[in-house]
Amino acid sequence: VQRLRTKIGQERIDTVRGFGYKLRG
């Protein structure tokens, strides 16, 4: 996920603590 963020934008994928990740719509 971190590698993907560096390529598509750190702000594009949010971390939801205790649950996982989500893509900003």
PDBML (XML) file of the C-alpha atoms, coordinates in Angstrom:
<?xml version="1.0" encoding="UTF-8" ?>
<PDBx:datablock datablockName="MODEL"
   xmlns:PDBx="http://pdbml.pdb.org/schema/pdbx-v50.xsd"
   xmlns:xsi="http://www.w3.org/2001/XMLSchema-instance"
   xsi:schemaLocation="http://pdbml.pdb.org/schema/pdbx-v50.xsd pdbx-v50.xsd">
   <PDBx:atom_siteCategory>
      <PDBx:atom_site id="1">
         <PDBx:B_iso_or_equiv>0.00</PDBx:B_iso_or_equiv>
         <PDBx:Cartn_x>0.000</PDBx:Cartn_x>
         <PDBx:Cartn_y>0.000</PDBx:Cartn_y>
         <PDBx:Cartn_z>0.000</PDBx:Cartn_z>
         <PDBx:auth_asym_id>A</PDBx:auth_asym_id>
         <PDBx:auth_atom_id>CA</PDBx:auth_atom_id>
         <PDBx:auth_comp_id>VAL</PDBx:auth_comp_id>
         <PDBx:auth_seq_id>1</PDBx:auth_seq_id>
         <PDBx:group_PDB>ATOM</PDBx:group_PDB>
         <PDBx:label_alt_id xsi:nil="true" />
         <PDBx:label_asym_id>A</PDBx:label_asym_id>
         <PDBx:label_atom_id>CA</PDBx:label_atom_id>
         <PDBx:label_comp_id>VAL</PDBx:label_comp_id>
         <PDBx:label_entity_id>1</PDBx:label_entity_id>
         <PDBx:label_seq_id>1</PDBx:label_seq_id>
         <PDBx:occupancy>1.00</PDBx:occupancy>
         <PDBx:pdbx_PDB_model_num>1</PDBx:pdbx_PDB_model_num>
         <PDBx:type_symbol>C</PDBx:type_symbol>
      </PDBx:atom_site>
      <PDBx:atom_site id="2">
         <PDBx:B_iso_or_equiv>0.00</PDBx:B_iso_or_equiv>
         <PDBx:Cartn_x>2.814</PDBx:Cartn_x>
         <PDBx:Cartn_y>2.393</PDBx:Cartn_y>
         <PDBx:Cartn_z>0.861</PDBx:Cartn_z>
         <PDBx:auth_asym_id>A</PDBx:auth_asym_id>
         <PDBx:auth_atom_id>CA</PDBx:auth_atom_id>
         <PDBx:auth_comp_id>GLN</PDBx:auth_comp_id>
         <PDBx:auth_seq_id>2</PDBx:auth_seq_id>
         <PDBx:group_PDB>ATOM</PDBx:group_PDB>
         <PDBx:label_alt_id xsi:nil="true" />
         <PDBx:label_asym_id>A</PDBx:label_asym_id>
         <PDBx:label_atom_id>CA</PDBx:label_atom_id>
         <PDBx:label_comp_id>GLN</PDBx:label_comp_id>
         <PDBx:label_entity_id>1</PDBx:label_entity_id>
         <PDBx:label_seq_id>2</PDBx:label_seq_id>
         <PDBx:occupancy>1.00</PDBx:occupancy>
         <PDBx:pdbx_PDB_model_num>1</PDBx:pdbx_PDB_model_num>
         <PDBx:type_symbol>C</PDBx:type_symbol>
      </PDBx:atom_site>
      <PDBx:atom_site id="3">
         <PDBx:B_iso_or_equiv>0.00</PDBx:B_iso_or_equiv>
         <PDBx:Cartn_x>4.592</PDBx:Cartn_x>
         <PDBx:Cartn_y>1.643</PDBx:Cartn_y>
         <PDBx:Cartn_z>-2.430</PDBx:Cartn_z>
         <PDBx:auth_asym_id>A</PDBx:auth_asym_id>
         <PDBx:auth_atom_id>CA</PDBx:auth_atom_id>
         <PDBx:auth_comp_id>ARG</PDBx:auth_comp_id>
         <PDBx:auth_seq_id>3</PDBx:auth_seq_id>
         <PDBx:group_PDB>ATOM</PDBx:group_PDB>
         <PDBx:label_alt_id xsi:nil="true" />
         <PDBx:label_asym_id>A</PDBx:label_asym_id>
         <PDBx:label_atom_id>CA</PDBx:label_atom_id>
         <PDBx:label_comp_id>ARG</PDBx:label_comp_id>
         <PDBx:label_entity_id>1</PDBx:label_entity_id>
         <PDBx:label_seq_id>3</PDBx:label_seq_id>
         <PDBx:occupancy>1.00</PDBx:occupancy>
         <PDBx:pdbx_PDB_model_num>1</PDBx:pdbx_PDB_model_num>
         <PDBx:type_symbol>C</PDBx:type_symbol>
      </PDBx:atom_site>
      <PDBx:atom_site id="4">
         <PDBx:B_iso_or_equiv>0.00</PDBx:B_iso_or_equiv>
         <PDBx:Cartn_x>1.339</PDBx:Cartn_x>
         <PDBx:Cartn_y>2.219</PDBx:Cartn_y>
         <PDBx:Cartn_z>-4.298</PDBx:Cartn_z>
         <PDBx:auth_asym_id>A</PDBx:auth_asym_id>
         <PDBx:auth_atom_id>CA</PDBx:auth_atom_id>
         <PDBx:auth_comp_id>LEU</PDBx:auth_comp_id>
         <PDBx:auth_seq_id>4</PDBx:auth_seq_id>
         <PDBx:group_PDB>ATOM</PDBx:group_PDB>
         <PDBx:label_alt_id xsi:nil="true" />
         <PDBx:label_asym_id>A</PDBx:label_asym_id>
         <PDBx:label_atom_id>CA</PDBx:label_atom_id>
         <PDBx:label_comp_id>LEU</PDBx:label_comp_id>
         <PDBx:label_entity_id>1</PDBx:label_entity_id>
         <PDBx:label_seq_id>4</PDBx:label_seq_id>
         <PDBx:occupancy>1.00</PDBx:occupancy>
         <PDBx:pdbx_PDB_model_num>1</PDBx:pdbx_PDB_model_num>
         <PDBx:type_symbol>C</PDBx:type_symbol>
      </PDBx:atom_site>
      <PDBx:atom_site id="5">
         <PDBx:B_iso_or_equiv>0.00</PDBx:B_iso_or_equiv>
         <PDBx:Cartn_x>0.801</PDBx:Cartn_x>
         <PDBx:Cartn_y>5.523</PDBx:Cartn_y>
         <PDBx:Cartn_z>-2.506</PDBx:Cartn_z>
         <PDBx:auth_asym_id>A</PDBx:auth_asym_id>
         <PDBx:auth_atom_id>CA</PDBx:auth_atom_id>
         <PDBx:auth_comp_id>ARG</PDBx:auth_comp_id>
         <PDBx:auth_seq_id>5</PDBx:auth_seq_id>
         <PDBx:group_PDB>ATOM</PDBx:group_PDB>
         <PDBx:label_alt_id xsi:nil="true" />
         <PDBx:label_asym_id>A</PDBx:label_asym_id>
         <PDBx:label_atom_id>CA</PDBx:label_atom_id>
         <PDBx:label_comp_id>ARG</PDBx:label_comp_id>
         <PDBx:label_entity_id>1</PDBx:label_entity_id>
         <PDBx:label_seq_id>5</PDBx:label_seq_id>
         <PDBx:occupancy>1.00</PDBx:occupancy>
         <PDBx:pdbx_PDB_model_num>1</PDBx:pdbx_PDB_model_num>
         <PDBx:type_symbol>C</PDBx:type_symbol>
      </PDBx:atom_site>
      <PDBx:atom_site id="6">
         <PDBx:B_iso_or_equiv>0.00</PDBx:B_iso_or_equiv>
         <PDBx:Cartn_x>4.190</PDBx:Cartn_x>
         <PDBx:Cartn_y>6.831</PDBx:Cartn_y>
         <PDBx:Cartn_z>-3.625</PDBx:Cartn_z>
         <PDBx:auth_asym_id>A</PDBx:auth_asym_id>
         <PDBx:auth_atom_id>CA</PDBx:auth_atom_id>
         <PDBx:auth_comp_id>THR</PDBx:auth_comp_id>
         <PDBx:auth_seq_id>6</PDBx:auth_seq_id>
         <PDBx:group_PDB>ATOM</PDBx:group_PDB>
         <PDBx:label_alt_id xsi:nil="true" />
         <PDBx:label_asym_id>A</PDBx:label_asym_id>
         <PDBx:label_atom_id>CA</PDBx:label_atom_id>
         <PDBx:label_comp_id>THR</PDBx:label_comp_id>
         <PDBx:label_entity_id>1</PDBx:label_entity_id>
         <PDBx:label_seq_id>6</PDBx:label_seq_id>
         <PDBx:occupancy>1.00</PDBx:occupancy>
         <PDBx:pdbx_PDB_model_num>1</PDBx:pdbx_PDB_model_num>
         <PDBx:type_symbol>C</PDBx:type_symbol>
      </PDBx:atom_site>
      <PDBx:atom_site id="7">
         <PDBx:B_iso_or_equiv>0.00</PDBx:B_iso_or_equiv>
         <PDBx:Cartn_x>3.108</PDBx:Cartn_x>
         <PDBx:Cartn_y>6.255</PDBx:Cartn_y>
         <PDBx:Cartn_z>-7.229</PDBx:Cartn_z>
         <PDBx:auth_asym_id>A</PDBx:auth_asym_id>
         <PDBx:auth_atom_id>CA</PDBx:auth_atom_id>
         <PDBx:auth_comp_id>LYS</PDBx:auth_comp_id>
         <PDBx:auth_seq_id>7</PDBx:auth_seq_id>
         <PDBx:group_PDB>ATOM</PDBx:group_PDB>
         <PDBx:label_alt_id xsi:nil="true" />
         <PDBx:label_asym_id>A</PDBx:label_asym_id>
         <PDBx:label_atom_id>CA</PDBx:label_atom_id>
         <PDBx:label_comp_id>LYS</PDBx:label_comp_id>
         <PDBx:label_entity_id>1</PDBx:label_entity_id>
         <PDBx:label_seq_id>7</PDBx:label_seq_id>
         <PDBx:occupancy>1.00</PDBx:occupancy>
         <PDBx:pdbx_PDB_model_num>1</PDBx:pdbx_PDB_model_num>
         <PDBx:type_symbol>C</PDBx:type_symbol>
      </PDBx:atom_site>
      <PDBx:atom_site id="8">
         <PDBx:B_iso_or_equiv>0.00</PDBx:B_iso_or_equiv>
         <PDBx:Cartn_x>-0.505</PDBx:Cartn_x>
         <PDBx:Cartn_y>7.408</PDBx:Cartn_y>
         <PDBx:Cartn_z>-7.268</PDBx:Cartn_z>
         <PDBx:auth_asym_id>A</PDBx:auth_asym_id>
         <PDBx:auth_atom_id>CA</PDBx:auth_atom_id>
         <PDBx:auth_comp_id>ILE</PDBx:auth_comp_id>
         <PDBx:auth_seq_id>8</PDBx:auth_seq_id>
         <PDBx:group_PDB>ATOM</PDBx:group_PDB>
         <PDBx:label_alt_id xsi:nil="true" />
         <PDBx:label_asym_id>A</PDBx:label_asym_id>
         <PDBx:label_atom_id>CA</PDBx:label_atom_id>
         <PDBx:label_comp_id>ILE</PDBx:label_comp_id>
         <PDBx:label_entity_id>1</PDBx:label_entity_id>
         <PDBx:label_seq_id>8</PDBx:label_seq_id>
         <PDBx:occupancy>1.00</PDBx:occupancy>
         <PDBx:pdbx_PDB_model_num>1</PDBx:pdbx_PDB_model_num>
         <PDBx:type_symbol>C</PDBx:type_symbol>
      </PDBx:atom_site>
      <PDBx:atom_site id="9">
         <PDBx:B_iso_or_equiv>0.00</PDBx:B_iso_or_equiv>
         <PDBx:Cartn_x>-0.390</PDBx:Cartn_x>
         <PDBx:Cartn_y>10.016</PDBx:Cartn_y>
         <PDBx:Cartn_z>-4.486</PDBx:Cartn_z>
         <PDBx:auth_asym_id>A</PDBx:auth_asym_id>
         <PDBx:auth_atom_id>CA</PDBx:auth_atom_id>
         <PDBx:auth_comp_id>GLY</PDBx:auth_comp_id>
         <PDBx:auth_seq_id>9</PDBx:auth_seq_id>
         <PDBx:group_PDB>ATOM</PDBx:group_PDB>
         <PDBx:label_alt_id xsi:nil="true" />
         <PDBx:label_asym_id>A</PDBx:label_asym_id>
         <PDBx:label_atom_id>CA</PDBx:label_atom_id>
         <PDBx:label_comp_id>GLY</PDBx:label_comp_id>
         <PDBx:label_entity_id>1</PDBx:label_entity_id>
         <PDBx:label_seq_id>9</PDBx:label_seq_id>
         <PDBx:occupancy>1.00</PDBx:occupancy>
         <PDBx:pdbx_PDB_model_num>1</PDBx:pdbx_PDB_model_num>
         <PDBx:type_symbol>C</PDBx:type_symbol>
      </PDBx:atom_site>
      <PDBx:atom_site id="10">
         <PDBx:B_iso_or_equiv>0.00</PDBx:B_iso_or_equiv>
         <PDBx:Cartn_x>-0.152</PDBx:Cartn_x>
         <PDBx:Cartn_y>9.663</PDBx:Cartn_y>
         <PDBx:Cartn_z>-0.717</PDBx:Cartn_z>
         <PDBx:auth_asym_id>A</PDBx:auth_asym_id>
         <PDBx:auth_atom_id>CA</PDBx:auth_atom_id>
         <PDBx:auth_comp_id>GLN</PDBx:auth_comp_id>
         <PDBx:auth_seq_id>10</PDBx:auth_seq_id>
         <PDBx:group_PDB>ATOM</PDBx:group_PDB>
         <PDBx:label_alt_id xsi:nil="true" />
         <PDBx:label_asym_id>A</PDBx:label_asym_id>
         <PDBx:label_atom_id>CA</PDBx:label_atom_id>
         <PDBx:label_comp_id>GLN</PDBx:label_comp_id>
         <PDBx:label_entity_id>1</PDBx:label_entity_id>
         <PDBx:label_seq_id>10</PDBx:label_seq_id>
         <PDBx:occupancy>1.00</PDBx:occupancy>
         <PDBx:pdbx_PDB_model_num>1</PDBx:pdbx_PDB_model_num>
         <PDBx:type_symbol>C</PDBx:type_symbol>
      </PDBx:atom_site>
      <PDBx:atom_site id="11">
         <PDBx:B_iso_or_equiv>0.00</PDBx:B_iso_or_equiv>
         <PDBx:Cartn_x>-3.556</PDBx:Cartn_x>
         <PDBx:Cartn_y>11.271</PDBx:Cartn_y>
         <PDBx:Cartn_z>-0.288</PDBx:Cartn_z>
         <PDBx:auth_asym_id>A</PDBx:auth_asym_id>
         <PDBx:auth_atom_id>CA</PDBx:auth_atom_id>
         <PDBx:auth_comp_id>GLU</PDBx:auth_comp_id>
         <PDBx:auth_seq_id>11</PDBx:auth_seq_id>
         <PDBx:group_PDB>ATOM</PDBx:group_PDB>
         <PDBx:label_alt_id xsi:nil="true" />
         <PDBx:label_asym_id>A</PDBx:label_asym_id>
         <PDBx:label_atom_id>CA</PDBx:label_atom_id>
         <PDBx:label_comp_id>GLU</PDBx:label_comp_id>
         <PDBx:label_entity_id>1</PDBx:label_entity_id>
         <PDBx:label_seq_id>11</PDBx:label_seq_id>
         <PDBx:occupancy>1.00</PDBx:occupancy>
         <PDBx:pdbx_PDB_model_num>1</PDBx:pdbx_PDB_model_num>
         <PDBx:type_symbol>C</PDBx:type_symbol>
      </PDBx:atom_site>
      <PDBx:atom_site id="12">
         <PDBx:B_iso_or_equiv>0.00</PDBx:B_iso_or_equiv>
         <PDBx:Cartn_x>-5.353</PDBx:Cartn_x>
         <PDBx:Cartn_y>8.852</PDBx:Cartn_y>
         <PDBx:Cartn_z>-2.607</PDBx:Cartn_z>
         <PDBx:auth_asym_id>A</PDBx:auth_asym_id>
         <PDBx:auth_atom_id>CA</PDBx:auth_atom_id>
         <PDBx:auth_comp_id>ARG</PDBx:auth_comp_id>
         <PDBx:auth_seq_id>12</PDBx:auth_seq_id>
         <PDBx:group_PDB>ATOM</PDBx:group_PDB>
         <PDBx:label_alt_id xsi:nil="true" />
         <PDBx:label_asym_id>A</PDBx:label_asym_id>
         <PDBx:label_atom_id>CA</PDBx:label_atom_id>
         <PDBx:label_comp_id>ARG</PDBx:label_comp_id>
         <PDBx:label_entity_id>1</PDBx:label_entity_id>
         <PDBx:label_seq_id>12</PDBx:label_seq_id>
         <PDBx:occupancy>1.00</PDBx:occupancy>
         <PDBx:pdbx_PDB_model_num>1</PDBx:pdbx_PDB_model_num>
         <PDBx:type_symbol>C</PDBx:type_symbol>
      </PDBx:atom_site>
      <PDBx:atom_site id="13">
         <PDBx:B_iso_or_equiv>0.00</PDBx:B_iso_or_equiv>
         <PDBx:Cartn_x>-5.497</PDBx:Cartn_x>
         <PDBx:Cartn_y>5.915</PDBx:Cartn_y>
         <PDBx:Cartn_z>-0.140</PDBx:Cartn_z>
         <PDBx:auth_asym_id>A</PDBx:auth_asym_id>
         <PDBx:auth_atom_id>CA</PDBx:auth_atom_id>
         <PDBx:auth_comp_id>ILE</PDBx:auth_comp_id>
         <PDBx:auth_seq_id>13</PDBx:auth_seq_id>
         <PDBx:group_PDB>ATOM</PDBx:group_PDB>
         <PDBx:label_alt_id xsi:nil="true" />
         <PDBx:label_asym_id>A</PDBx:label_asym_id>
         <PDBx:label_atom_id>CA</PDBx:label_atom_id>
         <PDBx:label_comp_id>ILE</PDBx:label_comp_id>
         <PDBx:label_entity_id>1</PDBx:label_entity_id>
         <PDBx:label_seq_id>13</PDBx:label_seq_id>
         <PDBx:occupancy>1.00</PDBx:occupancy>
         <PDBx:pdbx_PDB_model_num>1</PDBx:pdbx_PDB_model_num>
         <PDBx:type_symbol>C</PDBx:type_symbol>
      </PDBx:atom_site>
      <PDBx:atom_site id="14">
         <PDBx:B_iso_or_equiv>0.00</PDBx:B_iso_or_equiv>
         <PDBx:Cartn_x>-6.676</PDBx:Cartn_x>
         <PDBx:Cartn_y>6.500</PDBx:Cartn_y>
         <PDBx:Cartn_z>3.422</PDBx:Cartn_z>
         <PDBx:auth_asym_id>A</PDBx:auth_asym_id>
         <PDBx:auth_atom_id>CA</PDBx:auth_atom_id>
         <PDBx:auth_comp_id>ASP</PDBx:auth_comp_id>
         <PDBx:auth_seq_id>14</PDBx:auth_seq_id>
         <PDBx:group_PDB>ATOM</PDBx:group_PDB>
         <PDBx:label_alt_id xsi:nil="true" />
         <PDBx:label_asym_id>A</PDBx:label_asym_id>
         <PDBx:label_atom_id>CA</PDBx:label_atom_id>
         <PDBx:label_comp_id>ASP</PDBx:label_comp_id>
         <PDBx:label_entity_id>1</PDBx:label_entity_id>
         <PDBx:label_seq_id>14</PDBx:label_seq_id>
         <PDBx:occupancy>1.00</PDBx:occupancy>
         <PDBx:pdbx_PDB_model_num>1</PDBx:pdbx_PDB_model_num>
         <PDBx:type_symbol>C</PDBx:type_symbol>
      </PDBx:atom_site>
      <PDBx:atom_site id="15">
         <PDBx:B_iso_or_equiv>0.00</PDBx:B_iso_or_equiv>
         <PDBx:Cartn_x>-5.716</PDBx:Cartn_x>
         <PDBx:Cartn_y>4.383</PDBx:Cartn_y>
         <PDBx:Cartn_z>6.427</PDBx:Cartn_z>
         <PDBx:auth_asym_id>A</PDBx:auth_asym_id>
         <PDBx:auth_atom_id>CA</PDBx:auth_atom_id>
         <PDBx:auth_comp_id>THR</PDBx:auth_comp_id>
         <PDBx:auth_seq_id>15</PDBx:auth_seq_id>
         <PDBx:group_PDB>ATOM</PDBx:group_PDB>
         <PDBx:label_alt_id xsi:nil="true" />
         <PDBx:label_asym_id>A</PDBx:label_asym_id>
         <PDBx:label_atom_id>CA</PDBx:label_atom_id>
         <PDBx:label_comp_id>THR</PDBx:label_comp_id>
         <PDBx:label_entity_id>1</PDBx:label_entity_id>
         <PDBx:label_seq_id>15</PDBx:label_seq_id>
         <PDBx:occupancy>1.00</PDBx:occupancy>
         <PDBx:pdbx_PDB_model_num>1</PDBx:pdbx_PDB_model_num>
         <PDBx:type_symbol>C</PDBx:type_symbol>
      </PDBx:atom_site>
      <PDBx:atom_site id="16">
         <PDBx:B_iso_or_equiv>0.00</PDBx:B_iso_or_equiv>
         <PDBx:Cartn_x>-8.640</PDBx:Cartn_x>
         <PDBx:Cartn_y>3.533</PDBx:Cartn_y>
         <PDBx:Cartn_z>8.692</PDBx:Cartn_z>
         <PDBx:auth_asym_id>A</PDBx:auth_asym_id>
         <PDBx:auth_atom_id>CA</PDBx:auth_atom_id>
         <PDBx:auth_comp_id>VAL</PDBx:auth_comp_id>
         <PDBx:auth_seq_id>16</PDBx:auth_seq_id>
         <PDBx:group_PDB>ATOM</PDBx:group_PDB>
         <PDBx:label_alt_id xsi:nil="true" />
         <PDBx:label_asym_id>A</PDBx:label_asym_id>
         <PDBx:label_atom_id>CA</PDBx:label_atom_id>
         <PDBx:label_comp_id>VAL</PDBx:label_comp_id>
         <PDBx:label_entity_id>1</PDBx:label_entity_id>
         <PDBx:label_seq_id>16</PDBx:label_seq_id>
         <PDBx:occupancy>1.00</PDBx:occupancy>
         <PDBx:pdbx_PDB_model_num>1</PDBx:pdbx_PDB_model_num>
         <PDBx:type_symbol>C</PDBx:type_symbol>
      </PDBx:atom_site>
      <PDBx:atom_site id="17">
         <PDBx:B_iso_or_equiv>0.00</PDBx:B_iso_or_equiv>
         <PDBx:Cartn_x>-6.977</PDBx:Cartn_x>
         <PDBx:Cartn_y>2.505</PDBx:Cartn_y>
         <PDBx:Cartn_z>11.927</PDBx:Cartn_z>
         <PDBx:auth_asym_id>A</PDBx:auth_asym_id>
         <PDBx:auth_atom_id>CA</PDBx:auth_atom_id>
         <PDBx:auth_comp_id>ARG</PDBx:auth_comp_id>
         <PDBx:auth_seq_id>17</PDBx:auth_seq_id>
         <PDBx:group_PDB>ATOM</PDBx:group_PDB>
         <PDBx:label_alt_id xsi:nil="true" />
         <PDBx:label_asym_id>A</PDBx:label_asym_id>
         <PDBx:label_atom_id>CA</PDBx:label_atom_id>
         <PDBx:label_comp_id>ARG</PDBx:label_comp_id>
         <PDBx:label_entity_id>1</PDBx:label_entity_id>
         <PDBx:label_seq_id>17</PDBx:label_seq_id>
         <PDBx:occupancy>1.00</PDBx:occupancy>
         <PDBx:pdbx_PDB_model_num>1</PDBx:pdbx_PDB_model_num>
         <PDBx:type_symbol>C</PDBx:type_symbol>
      </PDBx:atom_site>
      <PDBx:atom_site id="18">
         <PDBx:B_iso_or_equiv>0.00</PDBx:B_iso_or_equiv>
         <PDBx:Cartn_x>-8.001</PDBx:Cartn_x>
         <PDBx:Cartn_y>-0.887</PDBx:Cartn_y>
         <PDBx:Cartn_z>13.200</PDBx:Cartn_z>
         <PDBx:auth_asym_id>A</PDBx:auth_asym_id>
         <PDBx:auth_atom_id>CA</PDBx:auth_atom_id>
         <PDBx:auth_comp_id>GLY</PDBx:auth_comp_id>
         <PDBx:auth_seq_id>18</PDBx:auth_seq_id>
         <PDBx:group_PDB>ATOM</PDBx:group_PDB>
         <PDBx:label_alt_id xsi:nil="true" />
         <PDBx:label_asym_id>A</PDBx:label_asym_id>
         <PDBx:label_atom_id>CA</PDBx:label_atom_id>
         <PDBx:label_comp_id>GLY</PDBx:label_comp_id>
         <PDBx:label_entity_id>1</PDBx:label_entity_id>
         <PDBx:label_seq_id>18</PDBx:label_seq_id>
         <PDBx:occupancy>1.00</PDBx:occupancy>
         <PDBx:pdbx_PDB_model_num>1</PDBx:pdbx_PDB_model_num>
         <PDBx:type_symbol>C</PDBx:type_symbol>
      </PDBx:atom_site>
      <PDBx:atom_site id="19">
         <PDBx:B_iso_or_equiv>0.00</PDBx:B_iso_or_equiv>
         <PDBx:Cartn_x>-9.877</PDBx:Cartn_x>
         <PDBx:Cartn_y>-1.735</PDBx:Cartn_y>
         <PDBx:Cartn_z>9.996</PDBx:Cartn_z>
         <PDBx:auth_asym_id>A</PDBx:auth_asym_id>
         <PDBx:auth_atom_id>CA</PDBx:auth_atom_id>
         <PDBx:auth_comp_id>PHE</PDBx:auth_comp_id>
         <PDBx:auth_seq_id>19</PDBx:auth_seq_id>
         <PDBx:group_PDB>ATOM</PDBx:group_PDB>
         <PDBx:label_alt_id xsi:nil="true" />
         <PDBx:label_asym_id>A</PDBx:label_asym_id>
         <PDBx:label_atom_id>CA</PDBx:label_atom_id>
         <PDBx:label_comp_id>PHE</PDBx:label_comp_id>
         <PDBx:label_entity_id>1</PDBx:label_entity_id>
         <PDBx:label_seq_id>19</PDBx:label_seq_id>
         <PDBx:occupancy>1.00</PDBx:occupancy>
         <PDBx:pdbx_PDB_model_num>1</PDBx:pdbx_PDB_model_num>
         <PDBx:type_symbol>C</PDBx:type_symbol>
      </PDBx:atom_site>
      <PDBx:atom_site id="20">
         <PDBx:B_iso_or_equiv>0.00</PDBx:B_iso_or_equiv>
         <PDBx:Cartn_x>-7.844</PDBx:Cartn_x>
         <PDBx:Cartn_y>-1.336</PDBx:Cartn_y>
         <PDBx:Cartn_z>6.813</PDBx:Cartn_z>
         <PDBx:auth_asym_id>A</PDBx:auth_asym_id>
         <PDBx:auth_atom_id>CA</PDBx:auth_atom_id>
         <PDBx:auth_comp_id>GLY</PDBx:auth_comp_id>
         <PDBx:auth_seq_id>20</PDBx:auth_seq_id>
         <PDBx:group_PDB>ATOM</PDBx:group_PDB>
         <PDBx:label_alt_id xsi:nil="true" />
         <PDBx:label_asym_id>A</PDBx:label_asym_id>
         <PDBx:label_atom_id>CA</PDBx:label_atom_id>
         <PDBx:label_comp_id>GLY</PDBx:label_comp_id>
         <PDBx:label_entity_id>1</PDBx:label_entity_id>
         <PDBx:label_seq_id>20</PDBx:label_seq_id>
         <PDBx:occupancy>1.00</PDBx:occupancy>
         <PDBx:pdbx_PDB_model_num>1</PDBx:pdbx_PDB_model_num>
         <PDBx:type_symbol>C</PDBx:type_symbol>
      </PDBx:atom_site>
      <PDBx:atom_site id="21">
         <PDBx:B_iso_or_equiv>0.00</PDBx:B_iso_or_equiv>
         <PDBx:Cartn_x>-7.582</PDBx:Cartn_x>
         <PDBx:Cartn_y>0.994</PDBx:Cartn_y>
         <PDBx:Cartn_z>3.837</PDBx:Cartn_z>
         <PDBx:auth_asym_id>A</PDBx:auth_asym_id>
         <PDBx:auth_atom_id>CA</PDBx:auth_atom_id>
         <PDBx:auth_comp_id>TYR</PDBx:auth_comp_id>
         <PDBx:auth_seq_id>21</PDBx:auth_seq_id>
         <PDBx:group_PDB>ATOM</PDBx:group_PDB>
         <PDBx:label_alt_id xsi:nil="true" />
         <PDBx:label_asym_id>A</PDBx:label_asym_id>
         <PDBx:label_atom_id>CA</PDBx:label_atom_id>
         <PDBx:label_comp_id>TYR</PDBx:label_comp_id>
         <PDBx:label_entity_id>1</PDBx:label_entity_id>
         <PDBx:label_seq_id>21</PDBx:label_seq_id>
         <PDBx:occupancy>1.00</PDBx:occupancy>
         <PDBx:pdbx_PDB_model_num>1</PDBx:pdbx_PDB_model_num>
         <PDBx:type_symbol>C</PDBx:type_symbol>
      </PDBx:atom_site>
      <PDBx:atom_site id="22">
         <PDBx:B_iso_or_equiv>0.00</PDBx:B_iso_or_equiv>
         <PDBx:Cartn_x>-9.903</PDBx:Cartn_x>
         <PDBx:Cartn_y>2.736</PDBx:Cartn_y>
         <PDBx:Cartn_z>1.405</PDBx:Cartn_z>
         <PDBx:auth_asym_id>A</PDBx:auth_asym_id>
         <PDBx:auth_atom_id>CA</PDBx:auth_atom_id>
         <PDBx:auth_comp_id>LYS</PDBx:auth_comp_id>
         <PDBx:auth_seq_id>22</PDBx:auth_seq_id>
         <PDBx:group_PDB>ATOM</PDBx:group_PDB>
         <PDBx:label_alt_id xsi:nil="true" />
         <PDBx:label_asym_id>A</PDBx:label_asym_id>
         <PDBx:label_atom_id>CA</PDBx:label_atom_id>
         <PDBx:label_comp_id>LYS</PDBx:label_comp_id>
         <PDBx:label_entity_id>1</PDBx:label_entity_id>
         <PDBx:label_seq_id>22</PDBx:label_seq_id>
         <PDBx:occupancy>1.00</PDBx:occupancy>
         <PDBx:pdbx_PDB_model_num>1</PDBx:pdbx_PDB_model_num>
         <PDBx:type_symbol>C</PDBx:type_symbol>
      </PDBx:atom_site>
      <PDBx:atom_site id="23">
         <PDBx:B_iso_or_equiv>0.00</PDBx:B_iso_or_equiv>
         <PDBx:Cartn_x>-9.536</PDBx:Cartn_x>
         <PDBx:Cartn_y>4.543</PDBx:Cartn_y>
         <PDBx:Cartn_z>-1.902</PDBx:Cartn_z>
         <PDBx:auth_asym_id>A</PDBx:auth_asym_id>
         <PDBx:auth_atom_id>CA</PDBx:auth_atom_id>
         <PDBx:auth_comp_id>LEU</PDBx:auth_comp_id>
         <PDBx:auth_seq_id>23</PDBx:auth_seq_id>
         <PDBx:group_PDB>ATOM</PDBx:group_PDB>
         <PDBx:label_alt_id xsi:nil="true" />
         <PDBx:label_asym_id>A</PDBx:label_asym_id>
         <PDBx:label_atom_id>CA</PDBx:label_atom_id>
         <PDBx:label_comp_id>LEU</PDBx:label_comp_id>
         <PDBx:label_entity_id>1</PDBx:label_entity_id>
         <PDBx:label_seq_id>23</PDBx:label_seq_id>
         <PDBx:occupancy>1.00</PDBx:occupancy>
         <PDBx:pdbx_PDB_model_num>1</PDBx:pdbx_PDB_model_num>
         <PDBx:type_symbol>C</PDBx:type_symbol>
      </PDBx:atom_site>
      <PDBx:atom_site id="24">
         <PDBx:B_iso_or_equiv>0.00</PDBx:B_iso_or_equiv>
         <PDBx:Cartn_x>-10.883</PDBx:Cartn_x>
         <PDBx:Cartn_y>8.075</PDBx:Cartn_y>
         <PDBx:Cartn_z>-1.919</PDBx:Cartn_z>
         <PDBx:auth_asym_id>A</PDBx:auth_asym_id>
         <PDBx:auth_atom_id>CA</PDBx:auth_atom_id>
         <PDBx:auth_comp_id>ARG</PDBx:auth_comp_id>
         <PDBx:auth_seq_id>24</PDBx:auth_seq_id>
         <PDBx:group_PDB>ATOM</PDBx:group_PDB>
         <PDBx:label_alt_id xsi:nil="true" />
         <PDBx:label_asym_id>A</PDBx:label_asym_id>
         <PDBx:label_atom_id>CA</PDBx:label_atom_id>
         <PDBx:label_comp_id>ARG</PDBx:label_comp_id>
         <PDBx:label_entity_id>1</PDBx:label_entity_id>
         <PDBx:label_seq_id>24</PDBx:label_seq_id>
         <PDBx:occupancy>1.00</PDBx:occupancy>
         <PDBx:pdbx_PDB_model_num>1</PDBx:pdbx_PDB_model_num>
         <PDBx:type_symbol>C</PDBx:type_symbol>
      </PDBx:atom_site>
      <PDBx:atom_site id="25">
         <PDBx:B_iso_or_equiv>0.00</PDBx:B_iso_or_equiv>
         <PDBx:Cartn_x>-13.768</PDBx:Cartn_x>
         <PDBx:Cartn_y>8.303</PDBx:Cartn_y>
         <PDBx:Cartn_z>-4.350</PDBx:Cartn_z>
         <PDBx:auth_asym_id>A</PDBx:auth_asym_id>
         <PDBx:auth_atom_id>CA</PDBx:auth_atom_id>
         <PDBx:auth_comp_id>GLY</PDBx:auth_comp_id>
         <PDBx:auth_seq_id>25</PDBx:auth_seq_id>
         <PDBx:group_PDB>ATOM</PDBx:group_PDB>
         <PDBx:label_alt_id xsi:nil="true" />
         <PDBx:label_asym_id>A</PDBx:label_asym_id>
         <PDBx:label_atom_id>CA</PDBx:label_atom_id>
         <PDBx:label_comp_id>GLY</PDBx:label_comp_id>
         <PDBx:label_entity_id>1</PDBx:label_entity_id>
         <PDBx:label_seq_id>25</PDBx:label_seq_id>
         <PDBx:occupancy>1.00</PDBx:occupancy>
         <PDBx:pdbx_PDB_model_num>1</PDBx:pdbx_PDB_model_num>
         <PDBx:type_symbol>C</PDBx:type_symbol>
      </PDBx:atom_site>
   </PDBx:atom_siteCategory>
</PDBx:datablock>
